[in-house]
Amino acid sequence: MFKRLLLLALLLAITKFSHTPGLTVSSPASWLHSAAWKPDVTLWSILGPHGSFYGEYKYGWELEFFLRKAAHLSFFGALALLFYWNLRPSRHRYKYAWLLLVAFAFLDELHQSFVWMRDGRLIDVLIDALGGTLFLFILWRMNKQKNVQRKTQKNALL
């Protein structure tokens, strides 16, 4: 139950941050701005062939840029772990967790495209997917090492 609550809390936190206009990672006061929607934005203007979703970032290689990308990697990496821990054990558990993460990342960036002073970008979905991949890989390696240690201890006892 606790794992489900953590998952829900992180999903809501990410959605809240995405719905905050003018959010600046380096300025916590900006995290509390009231939500506002962009006027005249359509799904076509975002996802169409020349949509804003495929554009470049408007800010340069500043500290804020690196803080935003670090937040993407860490929040979505943690989200991938929570998806994993909330799935039933199966052979494809890592894949399902990653697919759920990518689906949420896409929807989150799409949602962000409708928020005033925010932009949703495909590159951010890819960065989120990379964060999930990295965290799930680390978990996989740790689980693999644990299994090897268990086998070694079991063989030592025989």
N, C-alpha and C. Protein backbone atom coordinates (compact mmCIF):
# COMPACT_ATOMS: atom_id res chain seq x y z
N MET A 1 0.82 -1.20 0.00
CA MET A 1 0.00 0.00 0.00
C MET A 1 0.87 1.26 0.00
N PHE A 2 1.94 1.24 0.79
CA PHE A 2 2.83 2.39 0.88
C PHE A 2 3.47 2.70 -0.48
N LYS A 3 3.85 1.65 -1.23
CA LYS A 3 4.45 1.85 -2.55
C LYS A 3 3.47 2.53 -3.50
N ARG A 4 2.20 2.17 -3.39
CA ARG A 4 1.18 2.78 -4.25
C ARG A 4 0.99 4.26 -3.90
N LEU A 5 1.02 4.55 -2.61
CA LEU A 5 0.89 5.94 -2.18
C LEU A 5 2.08 6.79 -2.65
N LEU A 6 3.27 6.22 -2.56
CA LEU A 6 4.46 6.94 -3.06
C LEU A 6 4.35 7.19 -4.56
N LEU A 7 3.90 6.18 -5.29
CA LEU A 7 3.73 6.33 -6.74
C LEU A 7 2.72 7.44 -7.04
N LEU A 8 1.60 7.42 -6.38
CA LEU A 8 0.58 8.45 -6.59
C LEU A 8 1.11 9.83 -6.23
N ALA A 9 1.83 9.92 -5.12
CA ALA A 9 2.39 11.21 -4.69
C ALA A 9 3.37 11.76 -5.72
N LEU A 10 4.22 10.90 -6.27
CA LEU A 10 5.19 11.37 -7.26
C LEU A 10 4.50 11.76 -8.56
N LEU A 11 3.51 10.99 -8.98
CA LEU A 11 2.74 11.35 -10.18
C LEU A 11 2.09 12.72 -10.01
N LEU A 12 1.49 12.95 -8.85
CA LEU A 12 0.84 14.24 -8.58
C LEU A 12 1.85 15.37 -8.49
N ALA A 13 3.00 15.12 -7.88
CA ALA A 13 4.03 16.16 -7.77
C ALA A 13 4.56 16.56 -9.15
N ILE A 14 4.84 15.58 -9.98
CA ILE A 14 5.32 15.89 -11.33
C ILE A 14 4.26 16.68 -12.10
N THR A 15 3.02 16.25 -11.99
CA THR A 15 1.93 16.96 -12.68
C THR A 15 1.79 18.38 -12.17
N LYS A 16 1.91 18.57 -10.86
CA LYS A 16 1.84 19.92 -10.28
C LYS A 16 2.95 20.80 -10.81
N PHE A 17 4.18 20.29 -10.83
CA PHE A 17 5.29 21.09 -11.34
C PHE A 17 5.10 21.42 -12.82
N SER A 18 4.58 20.48 -13.59
CA SER A 18 4.34 20.72 -15.01
C SER A 18 3.24 21.73 -15.23
N HIS A 19 2.35 21.87 -14.28
CA HIS A 19 1.21 22.78 -14.41
C HIS A 19 1.51 24.16 -13.81
N THR A 20 2.75 24.40 -13.43
CA THR A 20 3.13 25.66 -12.80
C THR A 20 3.77 26.59 -13.82
N PRO A 21 3.10 27.70 -14.17
CA PRO A 21 3.66 28.63 -15.15
C PRO A 21 4.94 29.27 -14.63
N GLY A 22 5.89 29.46 -15.52
CA GLY A 22 7.13 30.16 -15.18
C GLY A 22 7.97 29.49 -14.12
N LEU A 23 7.83 28.19 -13.98
CA LEU A 23 8.61 27.47 -12.97
C LEU A 23 10.10 27.57 -13.28
N THR A 24 10.85 27.94 -12.28
CA THR A 24 12.30 27.99 -12.37
C THR A 24 12.85 27.12 -11.26
N VAL A 25 13.62 26.11 -11.61
CA VAL A 25 14.12 25.16 -10.62
C VAL A 25 14.95 25.86 -9.55
N SER A 26 15.73 26.85 -9.97
CA SER A 26 16.63 27.53 -9.04
C SER A 26 15.92 28.57 -8.16
N SER A 27 14.61 28.77 -8.37
CA SER A 27 13.86 29.74 -7.58
C SER A 27 12.61 29.09 -6.98
N PRO A 28 12.72 28.53 -5.77
CA PRO A 28 11.58 27.84 -5.16
C PRO A 28 10.31 28.69 -5.05
N ALA A 29 10.44 30.01 -5.00
CA ALA A 29 9.25 30.87 -4.93
C ALA A 29 8.39 30.70 -6.19
N SER A 30 9.01 30.38 -7.33
CA SER A 30 8.27 30.21 -8.59
C SER A 30 7.47 28.91 -8.61
N TRP A 31 7.74 28.01 -7.68
CA TRP A 31 7.07 26.71 -7.66
C TRP A 31 5.61 26.84 -7.24
N LEU A 32 5.23 28.00 -6.71
CA LEU A 32 3.89 28.19 -6.17
C LEU A 32 2.99 29.04 -7.06
N HIS A 33 3.44 29.38 -8.27
CA HIS A 33 2.60 30.18 -9.17
C HIS A 33 1.30 29.46 -9.45
N SER A 34 0.24 30.23 -9.60
CA SER A 34 -1.07 29.65 -9.93
C SER A 34 -1.10 29.19 -11.37
N ALA A 35 -1.85 28.15 -11.61
CA ALA A 35 -1.93 27.57 -12.95
C ALA A 35 -2.64 28.51 -13.92
N ALA A 36 -2.22 28.49 -15.16
CA ALA A 36 -2.86 29.26 -16.23
C ALA A 36 -2.64 28.53 -17.55
N TRP A 37 -3.69 28.49 -18.34
CA TRP A 37 -3.62 27.81 -19.64
C TRP A 37 -3.25 28.79 -20.73
N LYS A 38 -2.54 28.32 -21.76
CA LYS A 38 -2.24 29.14 -22.93
C LYS A 38 -3.51 29.29 -23.76
N PRO A 39 -3.78 30.50 -24.23
CA PRO A 39 -4.95 30.66 -25.11
C PRO A 39 -4.63 30.16 -26.52
N ASP A 40 -5.61 29.68 -27.20
CA ASP A 40 -5.51 29.30 -28.62
C ASP A 40 -4.49 28.21 -28.94
N VAL A 41 -4.18 27.37 -28.00
CA VAL A 41 -3.28 26.25 -28.27
C VAL A 41 -4.14 25.03 -28.56
N THR A 42 -3.78 24.32 -29.61
CA THR A 42 -4.51 23.11 -29.97
C THR A 42 -3.55 21.93 -30.02
N LEU A 43 -4.13 20.76 -30.01
CA LEU A 43 -3.31 19.56 -30.13
C LEU A 43 -2.53 19.56 -31.43
N TRP A 44 -3.15 20.06 -32.51
CA TRP A 44 -2.48 20.13 -33.81
C TRP A 44 -1.30 21.10 -33.77
N SER A 45 -1.47 22.23 -33.08
CA SER A 45 -0.37 23.20 -33.01
C SER A 45 0.82 22.67 -32.21
N ILE A 46 0.55 21.65 -31.40
CA ILE A 46 1.62 21.04 -30.61
C ILE A 46 2.23 19.85 -31.33
N LEU A 47 1.37 18.93 -31.80
CA LEU A 47 1.86 17.67 -32.36
C LEU A 47 1.85 17.60 -33.88
N GLY A 48 1.33 18.63 -34.54
CA GLY A 48 1.32 18.65 -36.00
C GLY A 48 2.73 18.64 -36.56
N PRO A 49 2.88 18.53 -37.89
CA PRO A 49 4.21 18.42 -38.51
C PRO A 49 5.18 19.53 -38.14
N HIS A 50 4.66 20.74 -37.91
CA HIS A 50 5.53 21.86 -37.54
C HIS A 50 5.24 22.32 -36.12
N GLY A 51 4.78 21.39 -35.31
CA GLY A 51 4.36 21.71 -33.94
C GLY A 51 5.51 22.06 -33.02
N SER A 52 5.16 22.73 -31.94
CA SER A 52 6.16 23.17 -30.96
C SER A 52 6.81 22.02 -30.21
N PHE A 53 6.18 20.85 -30.22
CA PHE A 53 6.69 19.68 -29.49
C PHE A 53 8.06 19.23 -30.00
N TYR A 54 8.33 19.53 -31.25
CA TYR A 54 9.57 19.07 -31.88
C TYR A 54 10.64 20.17 -31.94
N GLY A 55 10.36 21.31 -31.34
CA GLY A 55 11.27 22.45 -31.42
C GLY A 55 12.44 22.35 -30.46
N GLU A 56 13.27 23.35 -30.55
CA GLU A 56 14.45 23.43 -29.69
C GLU A 56 14.11 24.18 -28.41
N TYR A 57 15.00 24.10 -27.44
CA TYR A 57 14.82 24.85 -26.20
C TYR A 57 15.02 26.33 -26.47
N LYS A 58 14.33 27.16 -25.70
CA LYS A 58 14.46 28.61 -25.85
C LYS A 58 15.53 29.18 -24.93
N TYR A 59 15.97 28.42 -23.95
CA TYR A 59 17.01 28.91 -23.04
C TYR A 59 18.31 28.19 -23.36
N GLY A 60 19.40 28.87 -23.05
CA GLY A 60 20.72 28.34 -23.42
C GLY A 60 21.30 27.40 -22.39
N TRP A 61 22.59 27.23 -22.47
CA TRP A 61 23.32 26.30 -21.61
C TRP A 61 23.67 26.99 -20.29
N GLU A 62 22.64 27.33 -19.53
CA GLU A 62 22.81 28.00 -18.24
C GLU A 62 22.61 26.99 -17.12
N LEU A 63 22.84 27.44 -15.89
CA LEU A 63 22.65 26.59 -14.73
C LEU A 63 21.22 26.05 -14.70
N GLU A 64 20.24 26.89 -15.02
CA GLU A 64 18.84 26.47 -15.00
C GLU A 64 18.60 25.30 -15.94
N PHE A 65 19.24 25.30 -17.08
CA PHE A 65 19.11 24.21 -18.05
C PHE A 65 19.56 22.89 -17.42
N PHE A 66 20.71 22.89 -16.78
CA PHE A 66 21.26 21.68 -16.17
C PHE A 66 20.42 21.23 -14.97
N LEU A 67 19.91 22.18 -14.20
CA LEU A 67 19.04 21.83 -13.07
C LEU A 67 17.75 21.18 -13.56
N ARG A 68 17.18 21.72 -14.65
CA ARG A 68 15.95 21.14 -15.21
C ARG A 68 16.19 19.71 -15.70
N LYS A 69 17.30 19.50 -16.39
CA LYS A 69 17.57 18.16 -16.93
C LYS A 69 17.88 17.18 -15.80
N ALA A 70 18.58 17.65 -14.76
CA ALA A 70 18.84 16.80 -13.61
C ALA A 70 17.53 16.43 -12.91
N ALA A 71 16.60 17.38 -12.84
CA ALA A 71 15.29 17.10 -12.25
C ALA A 71 14.54 16.07 -13.09
N HIS A 72 14.59 16.22 -14.41
CA HIS A 72 13.94 15.23 -15.29
C HIS A 72 14.52 13.84 -15.05
N LEU A 73 15.83 13.73 -15.07
CA LEU A 73 16.48 12.42 -14.89
C LEU A 73 16.13 11.80 -13.54
N SER A 74 16.21 12.59 -12.47
CA SER A 74 16.00 12.03 -11.14
C SER A 74 14.52 11.75 -10.85
N PHE A 75 13.63 12.68 -11.16
CA PHE A 75 12.21 12.45 -10.88
C PHE A 75 11.67 11.27 -11.69
N PHE A 76 12.01 11.23 -12.97
CA PHE A 76 11.48 10.15 -13.79
C PHE A 76 12.22 8.83 -13.56
N GLY A 77 13.46 8.90 -13.12
CA GLY A 77 14.15 7.69 -12.71
C GLY A 77 13.48 7.08 -11.49
N ALA A 78 13.17 7.93 -10.51
CA ALA A 78 12.47 7.45 -9.31
C ALA A 78 11.08 6.94 -9.67
N LEU A 79 10.42 7.61 -10.61
CA LEU A 79 9.10 7.16 -11.05
C LEU A 79 9.17 5.78 -11.69
N ALA A 80 10.20 5.53 -12.48
CA ALA A 80 10.37 4.21 -13.09
C ALA A 80 10.51 3.13 -12.02
N LEU A 81 11.26 3.42 -10.97
CA LEU A 81 11.41 2.45 -9.87
C LEU A 81 10.08 2.20 -9.18
N LEU A 82 9.32 3.26 -8.97
CA LEU A 82 8.02 3.08 -8.31
C LEU A 82 7.05 2.30 -9.19
N PHE A 83 7.08 2.55 -10.49
CA PHE A 83 6.26 1.73 -11.40
C PHE A 83 6.69 0.26 -11.27
N TYR A 84 8.00 0.02 -11.30
CA TYR A 84 8.52 -1.34 -11.20
C TYR A 84 8.04 -2.02 -9.91
N TRP A 85 8.20 -1.35 -8.79
CA TRP A 85 7.85 -1.94 -7.49
C TRP A 85 6.35 -2.14 -7.33
N ASN A 86 5.55 -1.43 -8.11
CA ASN A 86 4.10 -1.58 -8.02
C ASN A 86 3.54 -2.58 -9.02
N LEU A 87 4.38 -3.16 -9.84
CA LEU A 87 3.94 -4.19 -10.79
C LEU A 87 4.13 -5.57 -10.18
N ARG A 88 3.30 -6.50 -10.61
CA ARG A 88 3.46 -7.89 -10.18
C ARG A 88 4.77 -8.43 -10.75
N PRO A 89 5.45 -9.28 -10.00
CA PRO A 89 6.67 -9.89 -10.54
C PRO A 89 6.37 -10.67 -11.83
N SER A 90 7.17 -10.40 -12.83
CA SER A 90 7.06 -11.12 -14.10
C SER A 90 8.37 -10.96 -14.86
N ARG A 91 8.48 -11.73 -15.92
CA ARG A 91 9.67 -11.69 -16.75
C ARG A 91 9.84 -10.31 -17.43
N HIS A 92 8.73 -9.64 -17.67
CA HIS A 92 8.76 -8.38 -18.42
C HIS A 92 8.55 -7.15 -17.53
N ARG A 93 8.73 -7.33 -16.26
CA ARG A 93 8.46 -6.25 -15.30
C ARG A 93 9.25 -4.98 -15.59
N TYR A 94 10.52 -5.11 -15.92
CA TYR A 94 11.34 -3.94 -16.24
C TYR A 94 10.80 -3.21 -17.46
N LYS A 95 10.43 -3.98 -18.48
CA LYS A 95 9.90 -3.37 -19.72
C LYS A 95 8.59 -2.65 -19.46
N TYR A 96 7.69 -3.28 -18.69
CA TYR A 96 6.40 -2.66 -18.40
C TYR A 96 6.59 -1.37 -17.61
N ALA A 97 7.48 -1.38 -16.65
CA ALA A 97 7.75 -0.18 -15.86
C ALA A 97 8.27 0.93 -16.76
N TRP A 98 9.17 0.58 -17.68
CA TRP A 98 9.73 1.58 -18.60
C TRP A 98 8.66 2.11 -19.55
N LEU A 99 7.81 1.24 -20.06
CA LEU A 99 6.75 1.68 -20.97
C LEU A 99 5.74 2.59 -20.27
N LEU A 100 5.39 2.26 -19.03
CA LEU A 100 4.50 3.13 -18.26
C LEU A 100 5.15 4.49 -18.04
N LEU A 101 6.44 4.49 -17.75
CA LEU A 101 7.17 5.73 -17.55
C LEU A 101 7.14 6.59 -18.81
N VAL A 102 7.44 5.99 -19.96
CA VAL A 102 7.48 6.75 -21.22
C VAL A 102 6.09 7.29 -21.56
N ALA A 103 5.05 6.49 -21.33
CA ALA A 103 3.69 6.96 -21.59
C ALA A 103 3.35 8.16 -20.71
N PHE A 104 3.70 8.08 -19.43
CA PHE A 104 3.42 9.21 -18.54
C PHE A 104 4.27 10.42 -18.93
N ALA A 105 5.53 10.21 -19.28
CA ALA A 105 6.41 11.32 -19.68
C ALA A 105 5.85 12.04 -20.91
N PHE A 106 5.36 11.26 -21.88
CA PHE A 106 4.78 11.86 -23.08
C PHE A 106 3.53 12.68 -22.72
N LEU A 107 2.64 12.11 -21.93
CA LEU A 107 1.42 12.82 -21.54
C LEU A 107 1.74 14.05 -20.70
N ASP A 108 2.75 13.95 -19.85
CA ASP A 108 3.14 15.08 -19.03
C ASP A 108 3.69 16.22 -19.88
N GLU A 109 4.53 15.91 -20.84
CA GLU A 109 5.07 16.95 -21.73
C GLU A 109 3.97 17.55 -22.60
N LEU A 110 3.05 16.72 -23.04
CA LEU A 110 1.91 17.22 -23.82
C LEU A 110 1.08 18.18 -22.97
N HIS A 111 0.78 17.78 -21.74
CA HIS A 111 0.05 18.64 -20.80
C HIS A 111 0.78 19.96 -20.60
N GLN A 112 2.09 19.88 -20.44
CA GLN A 112 2.91 21.07 -20.20
C GLN A 112 2.84 22.04 -21.38
N SER A 113 2.61 21.54 -22.58
CA SER A 113 2.51 22.39 -23.77
C SER A 113 1.32 23.33 -23.71
N PHE A 114 0.32 22.99 -22.92
CA PHE A 114 -0.88 23.82 -22.79
C PHE A 114 -0.78 24.84 -21.66
N VAL A 115 0.28 24.77 -20.86
CA VAL A 115 0.43 25.64 -19.69
C VAL A 115 1.20 26.90 -20.08
N TRP A 116 0.65 28.02 -19.62
CA TRP A 116 1.25 29.32 -19.89
C TRP A 116 2.69 29.38 -19.37
N MET A 117 3.60 29.93 -20.18
CA MET A 117 5.03 30.08 -19.88
C MET A 117 5.77 28.74 -19.75
N ARG A 118 5.19 27.67 -20.30
CA ARG A 118 5.84 26.36 -20.29
C ARG A 118 5.82 25.80 -21.70
N ASP A 119 6.71 24.88 -21.96
CA ASP A 119 6.78 24.21 -23.25
C ASP A 119 6.96 22.73 -23.02
N GLY A 120 6.31 21.93 -23.83
CA GLY A 120 6.52 20.50 -23.81
C GLY A 120 7.42 20.13 -24.98
N ARG A 121 8.39 19.31 -24.76
CA ARG A 121 9.34 18.95 -25.80
C ARG A 121 9.55 17.45 -25.87
N LEU A 122 9.65 16.94 -27.07
CA LEU A 122 9.94 15.53 -27.29
C LEU A 122 11.29 15.16 -26.67
N ILE A 123 12.25 16.06 -26.75
CA ILE A 123 13.58 15.78 -26.19
C ILE A 123 13.47 15.53 -24.68
N ASP A 124 12.53 16.20 -24.00
CA ASP A 124 12.35 15.96 -22.57
C ASP A 124 11.76 14.58 -22.30
N VAL A 125 10.90 14.11 -23.20
CA VAL A 125 10.38 12.74 -23.07
C VAL A 125 11.55 11.76 -23.17
N LEU A 126 12.47 12.03 -24.10
CA LEU A 126 13.64 11.17 -24.26
C LEU A 126 14.56 11.22 -23.04
N ILE A 127 14.71 12.40 -22.45
CA ILE A 127 15.53 12.54 -21.24
C ILE A 127 14.86 11.80 -20.08
N ASP A 128 13.53 11.90 -19.99
CA ASP A 128 12.79 11.16 -18.95
C ASP A 128 12.98 9.66 -19.13
N ALA A 129 12.90 9.21 -20.39
CA ALA A 129 13.09 7.78 -20.69
C ALA A 129 14.51 7.35 -20.33
N LEU A 130 15.49 8.23 -20.57
CA LEU A 130 16.87 7.92 -20.20
C LEU A 130 17.01 7.79 -18.68
N GLY A 131 16.38 8.70 -17.93
CA GLY A 131 16.40 8.61 -16.47
C GLY A 131 15.81 7.29 -15.99
N GLY A 132 14.68 6.90 -16.58
CA GLY A 132 14.06 5.63 -16.23
C GLY A 132 14.95 4.46 -16.57
N THR A 133 15.56 4.51 -17.74
CA THR A 133 16.47 3.44 -18.17
C THR A 133 17.64 3.31 -17.20
N LEU A 134 18.22 4.43 -16.84
CA LEU A 134 19.38 4.43 -15.95
C LEU A 134 19.02 3.84 -14.57
N PHE A 135 17.93 4.30 -13.98
CA PHE A 135 17.54 3.81 -12.66
C PHE A 135 17.14 2.34 -12.70
N LEU A 136 16.41 1.94 -13.74
CA LEU A 136 16.02 0.53 -13.86
C LEU A 136 17.23 -0.36 -14.11
N PHE A 137 18.21 0.13 -14.86
CA PHE A 137 19.43 -0.64 -15.09
C PHE A 137 20.20 -0.85 -13.78
N ILE A 138 20.29 0.21 -12.99
CA ILE A 138 20.97 0.10 -11.70
C ILE A 138 20.25 -0.91 -10.80
N LEU A 139 18.92 -0.85 -10.79
CA LEU A 139 18.15 -1.82 -10.01
C LEU A 139 18.38 -3.24 -10.52
N TRP A 140 18.37 -3.42 -11.82
CA TRP A 140 18.62 -4.74 -12.43
C TRP A 140 19.98 -5.29 -12.01
N ARG A 141 21.01 -4.42 -12.07
CA ARG A 141 22.37 -4.86 -11.67
C ARG A 141 22.41 -5.24 -10.19
N MET A 142 21.77 -4.46 -9.36
CA MET A 142 21.75 -4.77 -7.93
C MET A 142 21.03 -6.09 -7.67
N ASN A 143 19.90 -6.31 -8.33
CA ASN A 143 19.17 -7.57 -8.18
C ASN A 143 19.99 -8.75 -8.69
N LYS A 144 20.70 -8.54 -9.78
CA LYS A 144 21.54 -9.60 -10.34
C LYS A 144 22.67 -9.96 -9.36
N GLN A 145 23.29 -8.95 -8.78
CA GLN A 145 24.36 -9.20 -7.80
C GLN A 145 23.83 -9.95 -6.59
N LYS A 146 22.64 -9.57 -6.13
CA LYS A 146 22.02 -10.26 -4.99
C LYS A 146 21.80 -11.73 -5.30
N ASN A 147 21.33 -12.02 -6.49
CA ASN A 147 21.09 -13.41 -6.90
C ASN A 147 22.39 -14.20 -6.96
N VAL A 148 23.44 -13.58 -7.46
CA VAL A 148 24.75 -14.25 -7.52
C VAL A 148 25.25 -14.53 -6.11
N GLN A 149 25.10 -13.58 -5.21
CA GLN A 149 25.54 -13.77 -3.82
C GLN A 149 24.75 -14.89 -3.15
N ARG A 150 23.44 -14.94 -3.39
CA ARG A 150 22.61 -16.01 -2.81
C ARG A 150 23.06 -17.37 -3.31
N LYS A 151 23.33 -17.48 -4.61
CA LYS A 151 23.80 -18.75 -5.17
C LYS A 151 25.14 -19.14 -4.57
N THR A 152 26.04 -18.17 -4.40
CA THR A 152 27.35 -18.43 -3.85
C THR A 152 27.23 -18.93 -2.41
N GLN A 153 26.38 -18.26 -1.63
CA GLN A 153 26.18 -18.67 -0.23
C GLN A 153 25.53 -20.05 -0.16
N LYS A 154 24.58 -20.31 -1.03
CA LYS A 154 23.91 -21.61 -1.06
C LYS A 154 24.89 -22.72 -1.39
N ASN A 155 25.75 -22.49 -2.38
CA ASN A 155 26.75 -23.48 -2.77
C ASN A 155 27.79 -23.68 -1.67
N ALA A 156 28.10 -22.61 -0.94
CA ALA A 156 29.07 -22.70 0.15
C ALA A 156 28.52 -23.56 1.30
N LEU A 157 27.21 -23.51 1.49
CA LEU A 157 26.59 -24.30 2.55
C LEU A 157 26.52 -25.80 2.20
N LEU A 158 26.53 -26.09 0.93
CA LEU A 158 26.45 -27.51 0.50
C LEU A 158 27.78 -28.13 0.59
